[in-house]
């Protein structure tokens, strides 16, 4: 058995807030994208495993890296990604960046401010979008739109799971300076309902996250590949909807996830709006070649 296989995954692509290689993506690229997702899932499950010591977690993450770099064949999830990267003539940079984030998760429990959280997203979230764009042969200049979208998705997950992360892992992604600003404490994340101070703090983070979405919303029209445009259009719409919900709801005591039906409806709405926009191609919208 491989190192990664000995840990049961906490969830699959079907459990995510956002589509992962859905039917909108070109069939030839679904399996490569899913292999990268499952690599990330394996690394995440290692970093979050409750029964492993820090040294054991780091050793298992190292095994993923060794397999990714061709120095070992032990970690199945990394072996699949290595094959995909070779087939598409891509460097392992994005996968290695993800491992940087998961190594941080092993020992880092708190984030001082928004900038520190965005630095984490640079390694935990942005590489996912960058890899998908590279697989599609998209211009790397549009990372300027993909990066804020991926960061926004990461912050949405952090806010949705803020109580669970604190209770299960003693890990807090809510910036500490925001907590101080509103007079909230980390320990309040363990309550059944947010105090007024914590609620104001979490709302402020959701509002700041909303500030990432205007640039992110340019991605669906900036990509060349139509199917990727529809997929990212669906994701942008879901990010907007979930961010709005996090602004108005308490993640400790209220439902801040969308139902499967609502998620499908919002995603398809986003894809449909994108399709119309791509067909009419607004003159004020930059194509990939125009992005600086």
Protein backbone atom coordinates (compact mmCIF):
# COMPACT_ATOMS: atom_id res chain seq x y z
CA UNK A 1 0.00 0.00 0.00
CA UNK A 2 1.15 3.53 -0.71
CA UNK A 3 1.43 6.22 1.89
CA UNK A 4 -1.47 8.20 0.44
CA UNK A 5 -3.68 5.13 0.11
CA UNK A 6 -3.53 4.42 3.83
CA UNK A 7 -5.47 7.57 4.55
CA UNK A 8 -9.13 7.61 3.60
CA UNK A 9 -10.06 10.81 1.82
CA UNK A 10 -12.40 13.10 3.74
CA UNK A 11 -14.34 14.03 0.59
CA UNK A 12 -14.40 13.78 -3.18
CA UNK A 13 -14.81 16.29 -5.98
CA UNK A 14 -18.59 15.85 -5.66
CA UNK A 15 -18.52 17.30 -2.13
CA UNK A 16 -16.91 20.60 -3.06
CA UNK A 17 -18.64 23.99 -3.18
CA UNK A 18 -17.55 24.40 -6.77
CA UNK A 19 -17.44 22.20 -9.87
CA UNK A 20 -14.25 20.22 -10.32
CA UNK A 21 -13.72 19.09 -13.93
CA UNK A 22 -17.46 19.04 -14.57
CA UNK A 23 -19.12 18.06 -17.86
CA UNK A 24 -18.45 21.62 -19.03
CA UNK A 25 -14.72 20.88 -19.24
CA UNK A 26 -13.38 19.27 -22.41
CA UNK A 27 -13.49 15.46 -21.86
CA UNK A 28 -9.79 15.05 -22.68
CA UNK A 29 -8.85 17.28 -19.72
CA UNK A 30 -11.24 16.00 -17.05
CA UNK A 31 -9.03 13.11 -15.93
CA UNK A 32 -5.85 15.26 -15.76
CA UNK A 33 -7.65 17.90 -13.68
CA UNK A 34 -9.14 15.25 -11.39
CA UNK A 35 -5.70 13.70 -10.88
CA UNK A 36 -4.43 17.07 -9.65
CA UNK A 37 -7.49 17.50 -7.41
CA UNK A 38 -6.95 14.05 -5.87
CA UNK A 39 -3.28 14.84 -5.31
CA UNK A 40 -4.31 17.97 -3.42
CA UNK A 41 -6.95 15.99 -1.52
CA UNK A 42 -4.39 13.37 -0.48
CA UNK A 43 -1.99 16.06 0.76
CA UNK A 44 -4.79 17.88 2.59
CA UNK A 45 -5.91 14.70 4.32
CA UNK A 46 -2.35 14.06 5.48
CA UNK A 47 -1.97 17.59 6.87
CA UNK A 48 -5.32 17.37 8.69
CA UNK A 49 -5.04 13.79 9.95
CA UNK A 50 -5.85 13.73 13.69
CA UNK A 51 -3.76 10.67 14.56
CA UNK A 52 -0.48 11.55 12.87
CA UNK A 53 2.36 13.45 14.50
CA UNK A 54 3.82 16.51 12.80
CA UNK A 55 6.91 14.53 11.81
CA UNK A 56 4.77 11.74 10.31
CA UNK A 57 2.72 14.26 8.33
CA UNK A 58 5.83 15.95 6.96
CA UNK A 59 7.33 12.58 6.03
CA UNK A 60 4.21 11.66 4.07
CA UNK A 61 4.15 15.01 2.32
CA UNK A 62 7.82 14.48 1.48
CA UNK A 63 6.88 11.11 -0.03
CA UNK A 64 4.38 12.85 -2.31
CA UNK A 65 7.10 15.26 -3.41
CA UNK A 66 9.64 12.50 -4.00
CA UNK A 67 7.18 10.63 -6.21
CA UNK A 68 6.19 13.83 -8.00
CA UNK A 69 9.84 14.48 -8.83
CA UNK A 70 10.48 10.94 -10.01
CA UNK A 71 12.67 9.95 -7.07
CA UNK A 72 10.16 7.39 -5.84
CA UNK A 73 6.99 5.61 -6.98
CA UNK A 74 5.44 5.11 -3.55
CA UNK A 75 2.68 7.76 -3.51
CA UNK A 76 -0.03 6.81 -6.01
CA UNK A 77 -1.69 10.25 -6.06
CA UNK A 78 1.60 11.91 -6.99
CA UNK A 79 2.41 9.20 -9.52
CA UNK A 80 -0.74 10.03 -11.48
CA UNK A 81 0.07 13.75 -11.48
CA UNK A 82 3.64 13.04 -12.57
CA UNK A 83 2.28 11.13 -15.54
CA UNK A 84 -0.11 13.96 -16.46
CA UNK A 85 2.64 16.57 -16.24
CA UNK A 86 4.91 14.51 -18.47
CA UNK A 87 2.14 13.96 -21.00
CA UNK A 88 1.42 17.70 -21.21
CA UNK A 89 5.07 18.78 -20.93
CA UNK A 90 4.43 20.78 -17.76
CA UNK A 91 6.76 21.44 -14.82
CA UNK A 92 5.75 20.25 -11.32
CA UNK A 93 5.77 23.83 -10.00
CA UNK A 94 2.06 24.07 -9.16
CA UNK A 95 1.97 20.74 -7.35
CA UNK A 96 5.09 21.64 -5.40
CA UNK A 97 3.50 24.96 -4.44
CA UNK A 98 0.51 23.08 -3.05
CA UNK A 99 2.81 20.96 -0.90
CA UNK A 100 4.29 24.18 0.50
CA UNK A 101 0.82 25.15 1.74
CA UNK A 102 0.11 21.75 3.24
CA UNK A 103 3.44 21.75 5.04
CA UNK A 104 2.44 25.10 6.51
CA UNK A 105 -0.85 23.56 7.65
CA UNK A 106 1.04 20.97 9.66
CA UNK A 107 2.46 23.51 12.08
CA UNK A 108 0.90 26.93 11.43
CA UNK A 109 -2.22 27.58 13.49
CA UNK A 110 -2.85 31.32 13.16
CA UNK A 111 -2.71 34.09 10.53
CA UNK A 112 -1.79 37.58 11.64
CA UNK A 113 -3.49 39.61 8.92
CA UNK A 114 -5.06 39.57 5.45
CA UNK A 115 -1.69 39.79 3.71
CA UNK A 116 -0.49 36.69 5.51
CA UNK A 117 -3.68 34.87 4.56
CA UNK A 118 -3.25 35.88 0.91
CA UNK A 119 0.33 34.61 1.04
CA UNK A 120 -1.07 31.26 2.15
CA UNK A 121 -3.58 31.35 -0.71
CA UNK A 122 -0.68 31.93 -3.10
CA UNK A 123 0.36 28.34 -2.36
CA UNK A 124 -2.90 26.67 -1.30
CA UNK A 125 -5.30 27.98 -3.95
CA UNK A 126 -3.69 29.87 -6.82
CA UNK A 127 -1.71 26.85 -8.10
CA UNK A 128 -4.95 24.99 -8.78
CA UNK A 129 -6.25 27.63 -11.18
CA UNK A 130 -2.83 28.08 -12.75
CA UNK A 131 -2.52 24.35 -13.45
CA UNK A 132 -5.97 24.23 -15.05
CA UNK A 133 -5.07 27.19 -17.26
CA UNK A 134 -1.75 25.60 -18.23
CA UNK A 135 -3.48 22.34 -19.16
CA UNK A 136 -5.76 24.34 -21.46
CA UNK A 137 -2.82 26.18 -23.01
CA UNK A 138 -4.12 29.53 -21.80
CA UNK A 139 -1.95 32.63 -21.62
CA UNK A 140 -0.33 33.01 -18.21
CA UNK A 141 -1.15 36.71 -18.22
CA UNK A 142 -4.71 35.79 -17.16
CA UNK A 143 -3.40 34.42 -13.89
CA UNK A 144 -4.21 38.00 -12.87
CA UNK A 145 -7.89 36.95 -12.96
CA UNK A 146 -7.51 33.34 -11.90
CA UNK A 147 -5.48 34.11 -8.77
CA UNK A 148 -8.14 36.31 -7.09
CA UNK A 149 -10.84 33.79 -7.98
CA UNK A 150 -8.95 30.91 -6.42
CA UNK A 151 -8.10 33.00 -3.36
CA UNK A 152 -11.75 33.97 -2.95
CA UNK A 153 -12.79 30.31 -3.10
CA UNK A 154 -10.22 29.49 -0.43
CA UNK A 155 -11.44 32.23 1.89
CA UNK A 156 -15.03 31.09 1.39
CA UNK A 157 -14.03 27.62 2.55
CA UNK A 158 -12.15 29.07 5.52
CA UNK A 159 -15.18 31.07 6.64
CA UNK A 160 -17.60 28.20 6.13
CA UNK A 161 -15.39 25.88 8.16
CA UNK A 162 -14.03 28.37 10.70
CA UNK A 163 -15.69 26.65 13.66
CA UNK A 164 -14.79 23.13 12.54
CA UNK A 165 -11.16 24.06 11.84
CA UNK A 166 -10.83 25.57 15.30
CA UNK A 167 -12.54 22.73 17.16
CA UNK A 168 -10.90 19.85 15.30
CA UNK A 169 -7.48 21.25 14.43
CA UNK A 170 -6.99 24.39 16.55
CA UNK A 171 -6.38 26.09 13.22
CA UNK A 172 -7.69 29.61 12.62
CA UNK A 173 -7.53 31.27 9.22
CA UNK A 174 -9.52 34.32 10.34
CA UNK A 175 -6.86 37.07 10.58
CA UNK A 176 -6.04 37.90 14.18
CA UNK A 177 -5.85 41.64 13.54
CA UNK A 178 -9.48 41.57 12.34
CA UNK A 179 -10.49 39.82 15.55
CA UNK A 180 -8.75 42.48 17.60
CA UNK A 181 -10.38 45.26 15.59
CA UNK A 182 -13.85 43.99 16.49
CA UNK A 183 -13.02 42.83 20.00
CA UNK A 184 -13.51 39.12 19.24
CA UNK A 185 -11.43 36.22 20.50
CA UNK A 186 -10.31 32.98 18.90
CA UNK A 187 -12.04 30.98 21.63
CA UNK A 188 -15.42 32.31 20.47
CA UNK A 189 -15.11 30.11 17.38
CA UNK A 190 -15.94 27.18 19.64
CA UNK A 191 -19.38 28.57 20.52
CA UNK A 192 -22.67 27.44 19.01
CA UNK A 193 -23.38 30.96 17.78
CA UNK A 194 -21.20 33.96 17.01
CA UNK A 195 -21.11 36.82 19.48
CA UNK A 196 -21.87 40.26 18.00
CA UNK A 197 -18.13 40.98 17.96
CA UNK A 198 -17.22 37.75 16.16
CA UNK A 199 -20.12 38.13 13.76
CA UNK A 200 -18.89 41.62 12.82
CA UNK A 201 -15.38 40.26 12.34
CA UNK A 202 -16.46 37.40 10.10
CA UNK A 203 -18.70 39.72 8.10
CA UNK A 204 -15.76 42.07 7.52
CA UNK A 205 -13.66 39.21 6.13
CA UNK A 206 -16.50 38.14 3.82
CA UNK A 207 -16.84 41.74 2.60
CA UNK A 208 -13.11 41.94 1.98
CA UNK A 209 -13.34 38.67 0.09
CA UNK A 210 -16.07 40.18 -2.07
CA UNK A 211 -13.46 42.72 -3.14
CA UNK A 212 -11.58 39.94 -4.96
CA UNK A 213 -14.52 39.07 -7.16
CA UNK A 214 -14.60 41.99 -9.64
CA UNK A 215 -11.21 40.95 -11.05
CA UNK A 216 -12.08 37.26 -10.75
CA UNK A 217 -15.27 37.80 -12.74
CA UNK A 218 -13.20 38.77 -15.79
CA UNK A 219 -11.75 35.28 -16.10
CA UNK A 220 -14.68 33.56 -17.91
CA UNK A 221 -14.38 35.92 -20.86
CA UNK A 222 -10.60 36.18 -20.81
CA UNK A 223 -9.93 32.50 -21.43
CA UNK A 224 -9.75 31.35 -25.04
CA UNK A 225 -11.37 27.94 -24.54
CA UNK A 226 -15.17 28.26 -24.50
CA UNK A 227 -15.83 25.26 -22.27
CA UNK A 228 -13.35 26.54 -19.71
CA UNK A 229 -15.07 29.91 -19.91
CA UNK A 230 -18.40 28.28 -19.03
CA UNK A 231 -16.87 26.32 -16.16
CA UNK A 232 -15.22 29.41 -14.69
CA UNK A 233 -18.43 31.38 -15.24
CA UNK A 234 -20.27 28.83 -13.11
CA UNK A 235 -17.58 29.05 -10.43
CA UNK A 236 -17.63 32.85 -10.35
CA UNK A 237 -21.40 32.85 -9.89
CA UNK A 238 -21.15 30.36 -7.03
CA UNK A 239 -18.39 32.41 -5.41
CA UNK A 240 -20.57 35.52 -5.60
CA UNK A 241 -23.57 33.71 -4.14
CA UNK A 242 -21.65 32.11 -1.28
CA UNK A 243 -19.80 35.31 -0.42
CA UNK A 244 -23.12 37.14 -0.24
CA UNK A 245 -24.46 34.46 2.07
CA UNK A 246 -21.42 34.71 4.33
CA UNK A 247 -21.91 38.47 4.59
CA UNK A 248 -25.49 38.05 5.83
CA UNK A 249 -25.27 34.78 7.80
CA UNK A 250 -23.42 33.39 10.80
CA UNK A 251 -21.26 30.39 9.84
CA UNK A 252 -21.35 29.12 13.42
CA UNK A 253 -25.13 28.82 13.66
CA UNK A 254 -26.60 29.16 10.15
CA UNK A 255 -26.30 27.25 6.91
CA UNK A 256 -23.72 28.95 4.72
CA UNK A 257 -23.44 26.21 2.11
CA UNK A 258 -25.70 25.86 -0.91
CA UNK A 259 -27.81 22.77 -1.39
CA UNK A 260 -26.92 20.56 -4.35
CA UNK A 261 -29.93 21.89 -6.24
CA UNK A 262 -29.16 25.53 -5.46
CA UNK A 263 -25.52 25.01 -6.35
CA UNK A 264 -26.47 23.47 -9.68
CA UNK A 265 -28.95 26.25 -10.44
CA UNK A 266 -26.49 29.01 -9.60
CA UNK A 267 -23.68 27.32 -11.50
CA UNK A 268 -25.77 26.87 -14.62
CA UNK A 269 -26.92 30.46 -14.39
CA UNK A 270 -23.30 31.58 -14.30
CA UNK A 271 -22.44 29.38 -17.28
CA UNK A 272 -25.44 30.68 -19.25
CA UNK A 273 -24.58 34.32 -18.57
CA UNK A 274 -21.01 33.62 -19.64
CA UNK A 275 -22.13 31.94 -22.85
CA UNK A 276 -24.25 34.93 -23.82
CA UNK A 277 -21.42 37.32 -22.96
CA UNK A 278 -18.91 35.30 -24.98
CA UNK A 279 -21.25 35.20 -27.97
CA UNK A 280 -21.83 38.95 -27.87
CA UNK A 281 -18.25 39.64 -26.68
CA UNK A 282 -18.50 43.02 -25.03
CA UNK A 283 -16.04 45.43 -26.60
CA UNK A 284 -14.89 46.73 -23.22
CA UNK A 285 -13.83 43.26 -22.06
CA UNK A 286 -10.14 42.39 -22.47
CA UNK A 287 -9.16 39.29 -24.38
CA UNK A 288 -6.22 37.29 -23.08
CA UNK A 289 -3.80 39.07 -25.42
CA UNK A 290 -4.84 42.42 -23.96
CA UNK A 291 -4.26 41.50 -20.32
CA UNK A 292 -1.19 43.15 -18.86
